[in-house]
Amino acid sequence: MFFVYILEATESKRYYIGQTEDLEARVKQHNEGRNLSTKAYIPWQLKWWKELESRSKAINVERKLKGIKKRVRLEKFVSENGFSGCGAVG
């Protein structure tokens, strides 16, 4: 199984969207500063995720999410498309 996930930086409230096969390990990598694009905004909190059956499906959903530029629209997409999450939408 593969996951599409959305992280939120606890201080700046920025979102980061990614996909992975091991969600727990990937979030840990982000918070250890092992990803250049997220290192400056540590710490990160897992906000939403969706489990998918293949990497190609995860990549397609990731691309769709990254194409949504407005925070409100992103949160609406998450709420309407069966994402699990730790954070309330809105």
N, C-alpha and C. Protein backbone atom coordinates (compact mmCIF):
# COMPACT_ATOMS: atom_id res chain seq x y z
N MET A 1 0.83 -1.19 0.00
CA MET A 1 0.00 0.00 0.00
C MET A 1 0.87 1.25 0.00
N PHE A 2 0.33 2.31 -0.53
CA PHE A 2 1.03 3.59 -0.61
C PHE A 2 0.15 4.67 0.01
N PHE A 3 0.79 5.73 0.42
CA PHE A 3 0.08 6.82 1.08
C PHE A 3 0.36 8.15 0.40
N VAL A 4 -0.67 8.97 0.29
CA VAL A 4 -0.51 10.39 -0.03
C VAL A 4 -0.73 11.08 1.31
N TYR A 5 0.11 12.05 1.63
CA TYR A 5 0.01 12.68 2.95
C TYR A 5 0.18 14.19 2.85
N ILE A 6 -0.36 14.86 3.85
CA ILE A 6 -0.21 16.30 3.97
C ILE A 6 0.32 16.58 5.36
N LEU A 7 1.45 17.25 5.41
CA LEU A 7 2.04 17.68 6.67
C LEU A 7 1.74 19.15 6.86
N GLU A 8 1.69 19.58 8.11
CA GLU A 8 1.55 21.00 8.42
C GLU A 8 2.68 21.39 9.36
N ALA A 9 3.38 22.46 9.01
CA ALA A 9 4.43 22.98 9.88
C ALA A 9 3.75 23.62 11.08
N THR A 10 4.17 23.23 12.29
CA THR A 10 3.47 23.69 13.48
C THR A 10 3.59 25.20 13.71
N GLU A 11 4.68 25.82 13.29
CA GLU A 11 4.83 27.27 13.51
C GLU A 11 4.30 28.09 12.34
N SER A 12 4.72 27.79 11.13
CA SER A 12 4.34 28.62 9.97
C SER A 12 2.99 28.24 9.38
N LYS A 13 2.46 27.07 9.74
CA LYS A 13 1.19 26.54 9.23
C LYS A 13 1.23 26.23 7.74
N ARG A 14 2.42 26.10 7.17
CA ARG A 14 2.56 25.69 5.77
C ARG A 14 2.16 24.24 5.62
N TYR A 15 1.71 23.89 4.42
CA TYR A 15 1.42 22.50 4.09
C TYR A 15 2.53 21.95 3.22
N TYR A 16 2.78 20.67 3.36
CA TYR A 16 3.68 19.94 2.46
C TYR A 16 2.93 18.68 2.05
N ILE A 17 2.95 18.38 0.75
CA ILE A 17 2.23 17.23 0.20
C ILE A 17 3.25 16.25 -0.36
N GLY A 18 3.07 14.97 -0.05
CA GLY A 18 3.98 13.96 -0.56
C GLY A 18 3.30 12.61 -0.65
N GLN A 19 4.06 11.62 -1.11
CA GLN A 19 3.57 10.24 -1.17
C GLN A 19 4.70 9.31 -0.79
N THR A 20 4.34 8.18 -0.20
CA THR A 20 5.34 7.24 0.31
C THR A 20 4.74 5.86 0.51
N GLU A 21 5.60 4.90 0.71
CA GLU A 21 5.15 3.55 1.04
C GLU A 21 5.14 3.34 2.57
N ASP A 22 5.98 4.07 3.28
CA ASP A 22 6.08 3.93 4.74
C ASP A 22 5.84 5.30 5.38
N LEU A 23 4.60 5.55 5.74
CA LEU A 23 4.18 6.86 6.22
C LEU A 23 4.90 7.28 7.50
N GLU A 24 4.98 6.40 8.46
CA GLU A 24 5.62 6.73 9.74
C GLU A 24 7.10 7.10 9.55
N ALA A 25 7.81 6.32 8.77
CA ALA A 25 9.23 6.60 8.53
C ALA A 25 9.42 7.91 7.77
N ARG A 26 8.52 8.19 6.83
CA ARG A 26 8.64 9.41 6.03
C ARG A 26 8.43 10.66 6.87
N VAL A 27 7.43 10.65 7.75
CA VAL A 27 7.20 11.80 8.63
C VAL A 27 8.42 12.01 9.53
N LYS A 28 8.98 10.91 10.01
CA LYS A 28 10.18 11.00 10.85
C LYS A 28 11.33 11.63 10.07
N GLN A 29 11.51 11.24 8.81
CA GLN A 29 12.57 11.84 7.98
C GLN A 29 12.38 13.34 7.84
N HIS A 30 11.15 13.77 7.62
CA HIS A 30 10.89 15.22 7.50
C HIS A 30 11.28 15.94 8.79
N ASN A 31 10.93 15.38 9.93
CA ASN A 31 11.21 16.03 11.21
C ASN A 31 12.67 15.92 11.65
N GLU A 32 13.42 15.04 11.02
CA GLU A 32 14.86 14.94 11.30
C GLU A 32 15.66 15.85 10.37
N GLY A 33 14.99 16.57 9.48
CA GLY A 33 15.67 17.48 8.57
C GLY A 33 16.34 16.79 7.40
N ARG A 34 15.87 15.60 7.04
CA ARG A 34 16.49 14.84 5.95
C ARG A 34 15.87 15.14 4.59
N ASN A 35 15.01 16.15 4.51
CA ASN A 35 14.41 16.56 3.25
C ASN A 35 14.66 18.06 3.11
N LEU A 36 15.39 18.46 2.09
CA LEU A 36 15.76 19.87 1.92
C LEU A 36 14.57 20.81 1.82
N SER A 37 13.51 20.35 1.16
CA SER A 37 12.37 21.26 0.96
C SER A 37 11.54 21.47 2.22
N THR A 38 11.71 20.65 3.25
CA THR A 38 10.93 20.82 4.47
C THR A 38 11.79 21.16 5.69
N LYS A 39 13.09 21.08 5.54
CA LYS A 39 14.02 21.26 6.67
C LYS A 39 13.83 22.59 7.40
N ALA A 40 13.59 23.66 6.67
CA ALA A 40 13.50 25.00 7.26
C ALA A 40 12.26 25.20 8.13
N TYR A 41 11.28 24.31 8.01
CA TYR A 41 10.01 24.53 8.70
C TYR A 41 9.71 23.48 9.78
N ILE A 42 10.72 22.75 10.21
CA ILE A 42 10.56 21.75 11.28
C ILE A 42 10.07 22.45 12.54
N PRO A 43 9.18 21.89 13.30
CA PRO A 43 8.62 20.54 13.22
C PRO A 43 7.36 20.48 12.36
N TRP A 44 7.12 19.29 11.82
CA TRP A 44 5.97 18.99 10.98
C TRP A 44 5.03 18.05 11.73
N GLN A 45 3.75 18.22 11.46
CA GLN A 45 2.73 17.35 12.04
C GLN A 45 1.94 16.73 10.90
N LEU A 46 1.71 15.43 10.97
CA LEU A 46 0.88 14.76 9.97
C LEU A 46 -0.55 15.26 10.13
N LYS A 47 -1.09 15.82 9.06
CA LYS A 47 -2.43 16.40 9.12
C LYS A 47 -3.48 15.46 8.51
N TRP A 48 -3.24 15.01 7.26
CA TRP A 48 -4.16 14.10 6.58
C TRP A 48 -3.38 13.10 5.76
N TRP A 49 -4.00 11.95 5.51
CA TRP A 49 -3.39 10.95 4.65
C TRP A 49 -4.48 10.10 4.01
N LYS A 50 -4.10 9.46 2.91
CA LYS A 50 -5.02 8.55 2.23
C LYS A 50 -4.20 7.36 1.75
N GLU A 51 -4.69 6.17 2.01
CA GLU A 51 -4.02 4.95 1.60
C GLU A 51 -4.55 4.54 0.22
N LEU A 52 -3.62 4.20 -0.67
CA LEU A 52 -3.98 3.82 -2.03
C LEU A 52 -3.28 2.51 -2.38
N GLU A 53 -3.82 1.80 -3.36
CA GLU A 53 -3.31 0.46 -3.66
C GLU A 53 -2.06 0.41 -4.53
N SER A 54 -1.68 1.52 -5.16
CA SER A 54 -0.47 1.49 -6.00
C SER A 54 0.24 2.84 -5.95
N ARG A 55 1.53 2.82 -6.27
CA ARG A 55 2.31 4.06 -6.31
C ARG A 55 1.76 4.98 -7.41
N SER A 56 1.37 4.43 -8.54
CA SER A 56 0.86 5.28 -9.62
C SER A 56 -0.41 6.03 -9.19
N LYS A 57 -1.29 5.38 -8.44
CA LYS A 57 -2.48 6.08 -7.94
C LYS A 57 -2.10 7.14 -6.92
N ALA A 58 -1.13 6.82 -6.07
CA ALA A 58 -0.66 7.81 -5.08
C ALA A 58 -0.05 9.02 -5.77
N ILE A 59 0.74 8.79 -6.80
CA ILE A 59 1.36 9.89 -7.53
C ILE A 59 0.29 10.75 -8.20
N ASN A 60 -0.74 10.13 -8.76
CA ASN A 60 -1.81 10.90 -9.40
C ASN A 60 -2.54 11.79 -8.40
N VAL A 61 -2.84 11.25 -7.22
CA VAL A 61 -3.52 12.06 -6.20
C VAL A 61 -2.59 13.15 -5.69
N GLU A 62 -1.32 12.83 -5.50
CA GLU A 62 -0.34 13.83 -5.07
C GLU A 62 -0.28 14.99 -6.07
N ARG A 63 -0.23 14.69 -7.35
CA ARG A 63 -0.20 15.74 -8.39
C ARG A 63 -1.45 16.60 -8.34
N LYS A 64 -2.60 15.94 -8.16
CA LYS A 64 -3.86 16.67 -8.07
C LYS A 64 -3.83 17.64 -6.89
N LEU A 65 -3.37 17.16 -5.73
CA LEU A 65 -3.29 18.00 -4.54
C LEU A 65 -2.32 19.16 -4.75
N LYS A 66 -1.17 18.88 -5.33
CA LYS A 66 -0.16 19.93 -5.55
C LYS A 66 -0.64 20.98 -6.55
N GLY A 67 -1.60 20.60 -7.39
CA GLY A 67 -2.16 21.55 -8.35
C GLY A 67 -3.18 22.49 -7.73
N ILE A 68 -3.63 22.19 -6.53
CA ILE A 68 -4.60 23.04 -5.84
C ILE A 68 -3.82 24.09 -5.06
N LYS A 69 -3.93 25.32 -5.44
CA LYS A 69 -3.10 26.37 -4.85
C LYS A 69 -3.74 27.08 -3.65
N LYS A 70 -5.03 27.03 -3.55
CA LYS A 70 -5.70 27.71 -2.43
C LYS A 70 -5.92 26.73 -1.28
N ARG A 71 -5.58 27.16 -0.08
CA ARG A 71 -5.70 26.34 1.12
C ARG A 71 -7.13 25.85 1.32
N VAL A 72 -8.09 26.71 1.13
CA VAL A 72 -9.50 26.35 1.32
C VAL A 72 -9.92 25.25 0.35
N ARG A 73 -9.47 25.35 -0.90
CA ARG A 73 -9.82 24.33 -1.89
C ARG A 73 -9.14 23.00 -1.58
N LEU A 74 -7.91 23.06 -1.10
CA LEU A 74 -7.19 21.85 -0.71
C LEU A 74 -7.93 21.15 0.43
N GLU A 75 -8.31 21.91 1.44
CA GLU A 75 -9.03 21.34 2.57
C GLU A 75 -10.39 20.77 2.16
N LYS A 76 -11.05 21.41 1.21
CA LYS A 76 -12.33 20.90 0.70
C LYS A 76 -12.11 19.58 -0.03
N PHE A 77 -11.06 19.50 -0.85
CA PHE A 77 -10.75 18.28 -1.57
C PHE A 77 -10.50 17.13 -0.58
N VAL A 78 -9.74 17.41 0.46
CA VAL A 78 -9.43 16.40 1.49
C VAL A 78 -10.72 15.90 2.15
N SER A 79 -11.59 16.81 2.51
CA SER A 79 -12.82 16.42 3.20
C SER A 79 -13.79 15.64 2.29
N GLU A 80 -13.73 15.90 1.00
CA GLU A 80 -14.65 15.25 0.07
C GLU A 80 -14.11 13.95 -0.53
N ASN A 81 -12.85 13.63 -0.26
CA ASN A 81 -12.23 12.48 -0.94
C ASN A 81 -11.68 11.42 0.00
N GLY A 82 -12.26 11.28 1.16
CA GLY A 82 -11.97 10.16 2.03
C GLY A 82 -10.60 10.12 2.67
N PHE A 83 -10.00 11.28 2.93
CA PHE A 83 -8.72 11.30 3.63
C PHE A 83 -8.97 11.10 5.12
N SER A 84 -8.05 10.38 5.76
CA SER A 84 -8.07 10.25 7.21
C SER A 84 -7.25 11.41 7.74
N GLY A 85 -7.41 11.73 9.03
CA GLY A 85 -6.61 12.84 9.50
C GLY A 85 -6.61 13.08 10.97
N CYS A 86 -5.61 13.85 11.35
CA CYS A 86 -5.42 14.27 12.73
C CYS A 86 -5.95 15.68 12.93
N GLY A 87 -6.18 16.39 11.84
CA GLY A 87 -6.57 17.79 11.94
C GLY A 87 -7.93 18.04 11.36
N ALA A 88 -8.63 18.96 11.95
CA ALA A 88 -9.93 19.36 11.44
C ALA A 88 -9.75 20.18 10.17
N VAL A 89 -10.67 20.06 9.26
CA VAL A 89 -10.63 20.85 8.04
C VAL A 89 -11.15 22.24 8.36
N GLY A 90 -10.39 23.24 7.87
CA GLY A 90 -10.87 24.61 8.03
C GLY A 90 -10.19 25.40 9.05
